[in-house]
Amino acid sequence: MTFGHLAAHIVAGNYFFCSNVGDVPRPKVEEPKETEGKDKLVAALEASFEFCDSALAKADDSKLNENITWSDGKPRARALAFVTLASSWADHYGMAAMYLRLNGLIPPTAKQVEKK
């Protein structure tokens, strides 16, 4: 998976999982392709996380047992979307950090804070 593919994959996942977790409609946005430039991928990532912020604010734990339609068309409990979203973010962060380190870059969250 290329870094661009990872970014596009995160955008698609954010819209799918956050809309299901928050029980809100998925916005009709054009999701980026993995070959898009950095600016477009970053803007799409930021928009998808902003959507997640608003969708997750509406999440209601009394709906965890309700069924949602999964990406394969089969019903699954909404709770699975909660768990999958969290584990996906952890997995995707790890992948992005590895890509950065393999290219000689330190992930922003790993940089030491300068003492003043």
Protein backbone atom coordinates (compact mmCIF):
# COMPACT_ATOMS: atom_id res chain seq x y z
CA MET A 1 0.00 0.00 0.00
CA THR A 2 1.46 3.36 -0.97
CA PHE A 3 1.28 6.35 1.37
CA GLY A 4 -1.29 7.93 -0.97
CA HIS A 5 -3.35 4.73 -0.87
CA LEU A 6 -3.19 4.76 2.92
CA ALA A 7 -4.42 8.37 3.03
CA ALA A 8 -7.31 7.66 0.63
CA HIS A 9 -8.16 4.50 2.58
CA ILE A 10 -8.31 6.46 5.86
CA VAL A 11 -10.67 9.01 4.29
CA ALA A 12 -13.05 6.31 3.06
CA GLY A 13 -12.91 4.48 6.38
CA ASN A 14 -13.56 7.64 8.37
CA TYR A 15 -16.70 8.43 6.41
CA PHE A 16 -18.01 4.85 6.60
CA PHE A 17 -17.28 4.14 10.25
CA CYS A 18 -18.02 7.58 11.71
CA SER A 19 -21.35 7.87 9.92
CA ASN A 20 -22.32 4.45 11.29
CA VAL A 21 -21.01 5.12 14.79
CA GLY A 22 -22.81 8.46 15.03
CA ASP A 23 -25.89 7.22 13.15
CA VAL A 24 -25.67 10.19 10.80
CA PRO A 25 -25.83 10.25 7.00
CA ARG A 26 -22.56 9.82 5.18
CA PRO A 27 -21.80 13.07 3.35
CA LYS A 28 -21.71 13.02 -0.41
CA VAL A 29 -18.11 14.00 -1.01
CA GLU A 30 -15.66 13.03 -3.68
CA GLU A 31 -13.11 10.83 -1.94
CA PRO A 32 -9.55 11.23 -3.19
CA LYS A 33 -7.70 8.73 -5.30
CA GLU A 34 -4.36 7.46 -4.08
CA THR A 35 -2.63 9.26 -6.96
CA GLU A 36 -3.85 12.72 -5.89
CA GLY A 37 -1.32 15.31 -4.79
CA LYS A 38 -0.39 15.90 -1.18
CA ASP A 39 -2.54 19.03 -0.86
CA LYS A 40 -5.70 17.26 -1.98
CA LEU A 41 -5.01 14.20 0.20
CA VAL A 42 -4.32 16.34 3.27
CA ALA A 43 -7.47 18.40 2.70
CA ALA A 44 -9.54 15.23 2.31
CA LEU A 45 -8.05 13.74 5.48
CA GLU A 46 -8.76 16.90 7.45
CA ALA A 47 -12.36 17.04 6.19
CA SER A 48 -12.93 13.38 7.06
CA PHE A 49 -11.64 13.88 10.61
CA GLU A 50 -13.80 17.01 11.00
CA PHE A 51 -16.77 14.90 9.96
CA CYS A 52 -15.76 12.27 12.52
CA ASP A 53 -15.62 14.94 15.23
CA SER A 54 -19.22 15.95 14.57
CA ALA A 55 -20.48 12.39 14.00
CA LEU A 56 -18.84 10.97 17.12
CA ALA A 57 -20.34 13.80 19.19
CA LYS A 58 -23.74 12.34 18.25
CA ALA A 59 -22.83 8.74 19.11
CA ASP A 60 -25.25 7.12 21.54
CA ASP A 61 -24.22 4.02 23.44
CA SER A 62 -27.85 2.92 23.75
CA LYS A 63 -27.67 2.10 20.01
CA LEU A 64 -24.63 -0.20 20.20
CA ASN A 65 -26.70 -3.33 19.68
CA GLU A 66 -28.55 -1.96 16.62
CA ASN A 67 -27.60 -3.45 13.28
CA ILE A 68 -25.92 -1.43 10.57
CA THR A 69 -25.19 -2.54 7.03
CA TRP A 70 -21.52 -3.45 6.80
CA SER A 71 -19.38 -2.88 3.72
CA ASP A 72 -20.12 -6.44 2.57
CA GLY A 73 -23.87 -5.72 2.70
CA LYS A 74 -24.42 -7.90 5.78
CA PRO A 75 -25.85 -6.67 9.08
CA ARG A 76 -23.47 -6.16 12.00
CA ALA A 77 -23.91 -4.56 15.41
CA ARG A 78 -23.08 -0.85 15.54
CA ALA A 79 -20.63 -1.70 18.34
CA LEU A 80 -18.38 -3.33 15.73
CA ALA A 81 -18.05 0.02 13.95
CA PHE A 82 -16.89 1.62 17.23
CA VAL A 83 -14.24 -1.05 17.79
CA THR A 84 -13.14 -1.16 14.16
CA LEU A 85 -12.80 2.63 13.98
CA ALA A 86 -10.51 2.71 17.01
CA SER A 87 -8.38 -0.20 15.88
CA SER A 88 -8.16 1.18 12.34
CA TRP A 89 -6.88 4.52 13.57
CA ALA A 90 -4.21 2.77 15.65
CA ASP A 91 -3.21 0.54 12.72
CA HIS A 92 -3.15 3.41 10.24
CA TYR A 93 -1.07 5.60 12.54
CA GLY A 94 1.45 2.77 12.88
CA MET A 95 1.63 2.34 9.11
CA ALA A 96 2.07 6.08 8.51
CA ALA A 97 4.78 6.30 11.19
CA MET A 98 6.67 3.40 9.57
CA TYR A 99 6.49 5.06 6.14
CA LEU A 100 7.84 8.29 7.59
CA ARG A 101 10.67 6.58 9.48
CA LEU A 102 11.62 4.51 6.43
CA ASN A 103 12.01 7.81 4.58
CA GLY A 104 14.17 9.38 7.27
CA LEU A 105 11.40 11.46 8.84
CA ILE A 106 10.34 11.47 12.47
CA PRO A 107 6.57 11.33 13.00
CA PRO A 108 5.34 14.60 14.54
CA THR A 109 4.06 12.80 17.65
CA ALA A 110 7.50 11.27 18.24
CA LYS A 111 9.46 14.52 18.11
CA GLN A 112 10.81 15.72 21.42
CA VAL A 113 9.48 19.00 22.68
CA GLU A 114 12.12 21.64 23.11
CA LYS A 115 12.54 22.81 26.68
CA LYS A 116 12.48 26.55 27.15
